[in-house]
Amino acid sequence: MKKPARLNRQAGRHALVDGIPFTMPVHSEQSPALMAAFTINADRAADLMPGNELHPFRLPNGKGLLVITVIDYRNTNIGKYIEYSIAIACTHGAKPAPTLLALLRQSHYGVGQYVYDLPVSTEISVKGGKGIWGMPKHQANLDFRIDSRWVSSQYDLDDQLCTRIEMKKPRAWLPVKLAASNFCAFRGMLMQSKIYFEGRVGFSLLRGGNARLLIGDHPRVKALHTLEISDKALMTAWFPSSGGVLDDHFEGWFLGFAQPPELAPEGMESVVSLDLNEDWLAPPSAAGRQDDAS
């Protein structure tokens, strides 16, 4: 999946969307990021997916993947903020995709991730991310801590621990250019957006002791406890500095259900009154933190 030439042609032009002024394209620079993937029960993951056209991506052993990605956005069109993504690897289509074919023909089978939760540091990020692209953003207490051997990030809400990820930093040596598709549910629709990013990455495979994931008891993350998340990470990745570009094109489909939904989905009323505030909430508490990591 290549970055569209349209994004280069639009560079430097000005946009004003939902009261948010920015210069195109929406981009970030010099932003450290961590990623860790854990195996999960794919059938349980399917229960968390909206509609009937998203399906958990299944490994050859039938397991699914929970993907935690945290980016410390230090230079963007809308200021500094942390973004903490909790997502399930997925495919999009009428039927689940065979594993090998999905890997070989990712665009055809709609390989991406369903973003289950996406806390961020600032109100303006919520307003833009949710209102424009349908991402499930909300403001929360977040941090991003880097030391000589480990990198970690914690997500608190309402003075409670939601999740915490800690991982050893692999040596970043491999230059990469990657693209990813994000699927999100908003306004009773399934929204797909794409991001293109690059940087030097260090990664580890099948070295589970290199990462630790802690899930708290907050109601927002309660369903994660049903996924049978593996204790050890399948993969970790570390970008000391990355750059990304968010596509200005996105797609949306009506979500269909076997029975009429009993509750109205979250809609535009959740974003129309938001401001362009770039202030952060207080850092998360020390709950769950292992500062003596070694």
Protein backbone atom coordinates (compact mmCIF):
# COMPACT_ATOMS: atom_id res chain seq x y z
CA MET A 1 0.00 0.00 0.00
CA LYS A 2 1.74 3.15 -1.23
CA LYS A 3 1.11 6.70 -0.10
CA PRO A 4 -1.18 8.32 -2.69
CA ALA A 5 0.46 10.93 -4.92
CA ARG A 6 -2.55 13.12 -4.13
CA LEU A 7 -1.12 13.77 -0.66
CA ASN A 8 2.04 15.21 -2.20
CA ARG A 9 0.03 17.39 -4.58
CA GLN A 10 -2.08 18.75 -1.70
CA ALA A 11 0.92 19.51 0.52
CA GLY A 12 0.92 23.09 1.75
CA ARG A 13 -2.74 23.78 1.02
CA HIS A 14 -4.97 24.89 3.87
CA ALA A 15 -8.06 23.20 5.29
CA LEU A 16 -10.71 24.15 7.83
CA VAL A 17 -12.75 21.15 8.97
CA ASP A 18 -15.19 21.25 11.90
CA GLY A 19 -13.56 24.47 13.05
CA ILE A 20 -10.06 22.95 13.05
CA PRO A 21 -7.59 24.84 10.82
CA PHE A 22 -4.59 22.90 9.53
CA THR A 23 -2.13 22.71 6.67
CA MET A 24 -2.38 19.57 4.58
CA PRO A 25 -1.51 16.82 4.84
CA VAL A 26 -2.18 15.84 8.46
CA HIS A 27 1.24 14.62 9.53
CA SER A 28 3.64 13.99 12.39
CA GLU A 29 7.41 14.11 12.77
CA GLN A 30 10.06 13.06 15.30
CA SER A 31 7.60 10.91 17.26
CA PRO A 32 8.74 7.85 19.24
CA ALA A 33 6.38 4.88 19.15
CA LEU A 34 6.02 1.42 20.62
CA MET A 35 4.00 -1.56 19.45
CA ALA A 36 3.31 -4.95 20.99
CA ALA A 37 1.09 -7.80 19.76
CA PHE A 38 -0.42 -10.51 21.97
CA THR A 39 -2.38 -13.59 20.94
CA ILE A 40 -6.05 -13.72 21.96
CA ASN A 41 -9.13 -15.91 21.61
CA ALA A 42 -10.36 -14.98 18.12
CA ASP A 43 -13.94 -16.07 18.77
CA ARG A 44 -14.13 -13.79 21.80
CA ALA A 45 -12.60 -11.00 19.73
CA ALA A 46 -15.33 -11.43 17.12
CA ASP A 47 -17.90 -10.65 19.82
CA LEU A 48 -16.35 -7.17 20.21
CA MET A 49 -16.52 -6.29 16.53
CA PRO A 50 -19.44 -4.27 15.16
CA GLY A 51 -21.64 -5.33 12.26
CA ASN A 52 -21.05 -8.46 10.22
CA GLU A 53 -18.22 -7.58 7.83
CA LEU A 54 -15.28 -7.29 10.23
CA HIS A 55 -13.58 -10.53 11.18
CA PRO A 56 -10.62 -11.26 13.46
CA PHE A 57 -7.43 -12.00 11.57
CA ARG A 58 -6.49 -15.54 12.55
CA LEU A 59 -3.01 -16.94 12.88
CA PRO A 60 -2.37 -20.49 11.62
CA ASN A 61 -3.15 -21.79 15.13
CA GLY A 62 -6.56 -20.08 15.08
CA LYS A 63 -5.60 -17.36 17.54
CA GLY A 64 -6.30 -13.67 17.01
CA LEU A 65 -4.08 -10.68 17.76
CA LEU A 66 -4.46 -7.79 20.17
CA VAL A 67 -2.23 -4.91 19.05
CA ILE A 68 -1.16 -2.14 21.44
CA THR A 69 0.37 0.89 19.72
CA VAL A 70 1.38 4.04 21.59
CA ILE A 71 2.76 7.10 19.80
CA ASP A 72 4.21 10.13 21.51
CA TYR A 73 3.26 12.71 18.88
CA ARG A 74 5.78 15.50 19.44
CA ASN A 75 5.31 17.49 16.24
CA THR A 76 1.93 17.49 14.44
CA ASN A 77 -0.55 19.84 12.74
CA ILE A 78 -2.54 20.05 15.98
CA GLY A 79 0.17 20.13 18.63
CA LYS A 80 1.69 17.54 20.94
CA TYR A 81 -0.24 14.57 22.33
CA ILE A 82 0.01 10.89 23.16
CA GLU A 83 -2.21 8.37 21.40
CA TYR A 84 -2.77 4.94 22.97
CA SER A 85 -4.36 2.47 20.55
CA ILE A 86 -5.96 -0.80 21.68
CA ALA A 87 -6.89 -2.73 18.56
CA ILE A 88 -7.70 -6.18 17.18
CA ALA A 89 -6.11 -7.32 13.92
CA CYS A 90 -8.89 -7.89 11.39
CA THR A 91 -10.02 -8.41 7.83
CA HIS A 92 -12.96 -6.72 6.11
CA GLY A 93 -15.36 -8.50 3.80
CA ALA A 94 -18.38 -10.76 3.54
CA LYS A 95 -16.46 -13.72 4.97
CA PRO A 96 -13.38 -14.30 7.14
CA ALA A 97 -10.21 -14.41 5.07
CA PRO A 98 -7.81 -17.39 4.90
CA THR A 99 -4.63 -16.49 6.76
CA LEU A 100 -2.11 -16.97 3.95
CA LEU A 101 -4.25 -15.31 1.29
CA ALA A 102 -4.94 -12.38 3.60
CA LEU A 103 -1.20 -11.82 4.06
CA LEU A 104 -0.51 -12.07 0.34
CA ARG A 105 -3.45 -9.89 -0.76
CA GLN A 106 -3.92 -7.48 2.11
CA SER A 107 -5.79 -4.78 0.21
CA HIS A 108 -8.18 -7.28 -1.36
CA TYR A 109 -9.08 -8.81 2.00
CA GLY A 110 -9.13 -5.51 3.89
CA VAL A 111 -6.37 -6.43 6.34
CA GLY A 112 -6.08 -3.87 9.11
CA GLN A 113 -7.03 -3.37 12.72
CA TYR A 114 -10.30 -2.65 14.46
CA VAL A 115 -9.57 0.15 16.93
CA TYR A 116 -11.44 -0.81 20.08
CA ASP A 117 -10.28 2.10 22.23
CA LEU A 118 -8.16 5.16 21.49
CA PRO A 119 -7.42 7.51 24.42
CA VAL A 120 -5.44 10.66 23.64
CA SER A 121 -3.97 13.54 25.62
CA THR A 122 -5.78 16.55 24.16
CA GLU A 123 -9.29 17.72 23.39
CA ILE A 124 -8.41 18.96 19.91
CA SER A 125 -7.20 15.47 19.00
CA VAL A 126 -10.56 14.05 20.11
CA LYS A 127 -12.48 16.64 18.10
CA GLY A 128 -10.56 15.94 14.91
CA GLY A 129 -9.97 12.22 15.19
CA LYS A 130 -13.51 11.30 16.18
CA GLY A 131 -15.45 13.98 14.31
CA ILE A 132 -13.63 13.60 10.98
CA TRP A 133 -12.38 10.00 10.83
CA GLY A 134 -14.72 8.33 13.32
CA MET A 135 -11.89 7.18 15.60
CA PRO A 136 -12.99 6.26 19.16
CA LYS A 137 -10.86 9.01 20.72
CA HIS A 138 -11.46 10.39 24.19
CA GLN A 139 -9.26 12.35 26.56
CA ALA A 140 -7.50 10.37 29.28
CA ASN A 141 -4.49 10.43 31.62
CA LEU A 142 -1.53 9.15 29.60
CA ASP A 143 2.24 9.03 29.82
CA PHE A 144 5.13 7.82 27.66
CA ARG A 145 8.30 6.98 29.58
CA ILE A 146 11.65 6.10 28.04
CA ASP A 147 14.72 4.94 29.91
CA SER A 148 17.93 3.26 28.88
CA ARG A 149 16.42 -0.22 28.39
CA TRP A 150 12.63 0.04 28.62
CA VAL A 151 9.80 2.13 27.20
CA SER A 152 6.36 2.20 28.78
CA SER A 153 2.99 3.89 28.62
CA GLN A 154 0.06 3.95 31.05
CA TYR A 155 -3.59 4.80 30.44
CA ASP A 156 -5.77 5.92 33.36
CA LEU A 157 -9.36 7.16 33.38
CA ASP A 158 -11.48 8.44 36.28
CA ASP A 159 -8.55 7.86 38.66
CA GLN A 160 -8.46 4.17 37.72
CA LEU A 161 -5.88 2.13 35.84
CA CYS A 162 -7.10 1.03 32.41
CA THR A 163 -3.99 -0.50 30.82
CA ARG A 164 -0.23 -0.32 31.03
CA ILE A 165 2.31 -1.59 28.50
CA GLU A 166 6.03 -2.00 29.19
CA MET A 167 8.59 -3.35 26.74
CA LYS A 168 12.32 -3.66 26.30
CA LYS A 169 13.66 -1.50 23.50
CA PRO A 170 15.07 -3.55 20.64
CA ARG A 171 17.93 -1.86 18.81
CA ALA A 172 16.36 0.23 16.04
CA TRP A 173 18.32 -0.53 12.89
CA LEU A 174 15.91 -1.30 10.05
CA PRO A 175 14.54 1.62 7.94
CA VAL A 176 10.92 0.94 7.02
CA LYS A 177 7.99 2.55 5.26
CA LEU A 178 4.66 1.08 6.32
CA ALA A 179 0.96 1.63 5.74
CA ALA A 180 -1.92 0.60 7.97
CA SER A 181 -5.72 0.57 7.75
CA ASN A 182 -7.76 1.47 10.81
CA PHE A 183 -11.42 0.45 11.13
CA CYS A 184 -13.56 2.29 13.68
CA ALA A 185 -17.25 2.38 14.64
CA PHE A 186 -18.97 5.77 14.97
CA ARG A 187 -22.45 7.16 14.25
CA GLY A 188 -23.70 3.67 13.38
CA MET A 189 -21.11 3.42 10.63
CA LEU A 190 -17.89 1.53 10.03
CA MET A 191 -15.15 4.02 9.13
CA GLN A 192 -11.85 3.12 7.47
CA SER A 193 -8.85 5.46 7.43
CA LYS A 194 -5.26 4.87 6.37
CA ILE A 195 -1.95 6.09 7.72
CA TYR A 196 1.51 5.95 6.15
CA PHE A 197 4.55 6.12 8.40
CA GLU A 198 8.29 5.62 8.31
CA GLY A 199 11.31 5.44 10.56
CA ARG A 200 13.95 3.09 11.89
CA VAL A 201 12.50 0.19 13.80
CA GLY A 202 13.83 -2.42 16.18
CA PHE A 203 11.70 -5.50 16.70
CA SER A 204 11.63 -8.82 18.49
CA LEU A 205 9.65 -11.97 17.72
CA LEU A 206 8.65 -14.76 20.10
CA ARG A 207 10.55 -13.20 23.01
CA GLY A 208 7.64 -12.81 25.39
CA GLY A 209 9.70 -11.56 28.31
CA ASN A 210 10.36 -8.39 26.35
CA ALA A 211 6.90 -6.98 27.09
CA ARG A 212 4.36 -6.83 29.90
CA LEU A 213 0.70 -5.84 29.53
CA LEU A 214 -1.51 -5.06 32.50
CA ILE A 215 -5.28 -4.62 32.14
CA GLY A 216 -7.06 -2.72 34.91
CA ASP A 217 -10.63 -2.90 36.20
CA HIS A 218 -12.12 0.24 34.67
CA PRO A 219 -15.46 -0.49 32.90
CA ARG A 220 -14.05 0.92 29.66
CA VAL A 221 -11.60 -2.00 29.37
CA LYS A 222 -13.65 -4.67 31.13
CA ALA A 223 -14.28 -6.61 27.92
CA LEU A 224 -10.54 -7.04 27.33
CA HIS A 225 -10.48 -9.51 30.21
CA THR A 226 -12.65 -11.88 28.14
CA LEU A 227 -10.08 -12.16 25.34
CA GLU A 228 -7.71 -14.61 27.07
CA ILE A 229 -4.73 -12.38 26.27
CA SER A 230 -1.43 -14.24 26.26
CA ASP A 231 1.00 -13.46 29.05
CA LYS A 232 3.84 -13.16 26.58
CA ALA A 233 4.02 -10.89 23.56
CA LEU A 234 4.23 -12.45 20.12
CA MET A 235 5.98 -9.37 18.72
CA THR A 236 7.33 -6.01 19.88
CA ALA A 237 8.53 -3.03 17.86
CA TRP A 238 10.23 0.23 18.82
CA PHE A 239 10.54 3.42 16.75
CA PRO A 240 12.83 5.98 18.46
CA SER A 241 11.58 8.56 15.97
CA SER A 242 8.88 8.15 13.35
CA GLY A 243 6.99 10.28 10.85
CA GLY A 244 3.48 9.69 9.61
CA VAL A 245 0.90 11.02 7.16
CA LEU A 246 -2.83 10.46 7.57
CA ASP A 247 -4.71 9.99 4.31
CA ASP A 248 -7.23 12.71 3.44
CA HIS A 249 -9.52 10.04 2.00
CA PHE A 250 -11.62 7.72 4.13
CA GLU A 251 -14.50 5.32 3.59
CA GLY A 252 -17.65 4.51 5.51
CA TRP A 253 -20.28 1.79 5.46
CA PHE A 254 -23.55 1.45 7.35
CA LEU A 255 -23.25 -1.11 10.14
CA GLY A 256 -25.82 -3.88 9.82
CA PHE A 257 -27.12 -5.99 12.70
CA ALA A 258 -29.29 -9.10 12.83
CA GLN A 259 -31.72 -7.32 15.16
CA PRO A 260 -32.57 -3.62 15.53
CA PRO A 261 -29.99 -2.04 17.88
CA GLU A 262 -31.48 -1.25 21.26
CA LEU A 263 -29.21 1.71 21.96
CA ALA A 264 -28.39 4.62 19.66
CA PRO A 265 -24.66 4.64 18.84
CA GLU A 266 -22.45 7.51 19.87
CA GLY A 267 -22.84 10.34 17.37
CA MET A 268 -21.80 13.87 16.51
CA GLU A 269 -23.28 15.20 19.76
CA SER A 270 -20.14 13.86 21.44
CA VAL A 271 -17.83 16.20 19.49
CA VAL A 272 -19.69 19.30 18.34
CA SER A 273 -19.15 21.17 21.61
CA LEU A 274 -15.47 20.28 21.94
CA ASP A 275 -12.88 23.05 21.77
CA LEU A 276 -9.39 23.26 20.23
CA ASN A 277 -7.74 22.85 23.63
CA GLU A 278 -4.22 21.38 23.61
CA ASP A 279 -3.92 21.03 27.41
CA TRP A 280 -3.17 17.59 28.86
CA LEU A 281 -4.80 15.97 31.86
CA ALA A 282 -2.63 15.10 34.84
CA PRO A 283 -0.23 12.16 34.38
CA PRO A 284 -1.53 8.71 35.35
CA SER A 285 -0.96 7.37 38.83
CA ALA A 286 1.84 5.01 39.82
CA ALA A 287 -0.60 2.08 39.90
CA GLY A 288 0.76 -0.83 37.90
CA ARG A 289 4.09 0.83 37.25
CA GLN A 290 7.23 -1.27 37.56
CA ASP A 291 10.02 1.25 37.75
CA ASP A 292 12.47 -1.46 38.74
CA ALA A 293 12.05 -3.13 35.37
CA SER A 294 15.17 -4.97 34.34
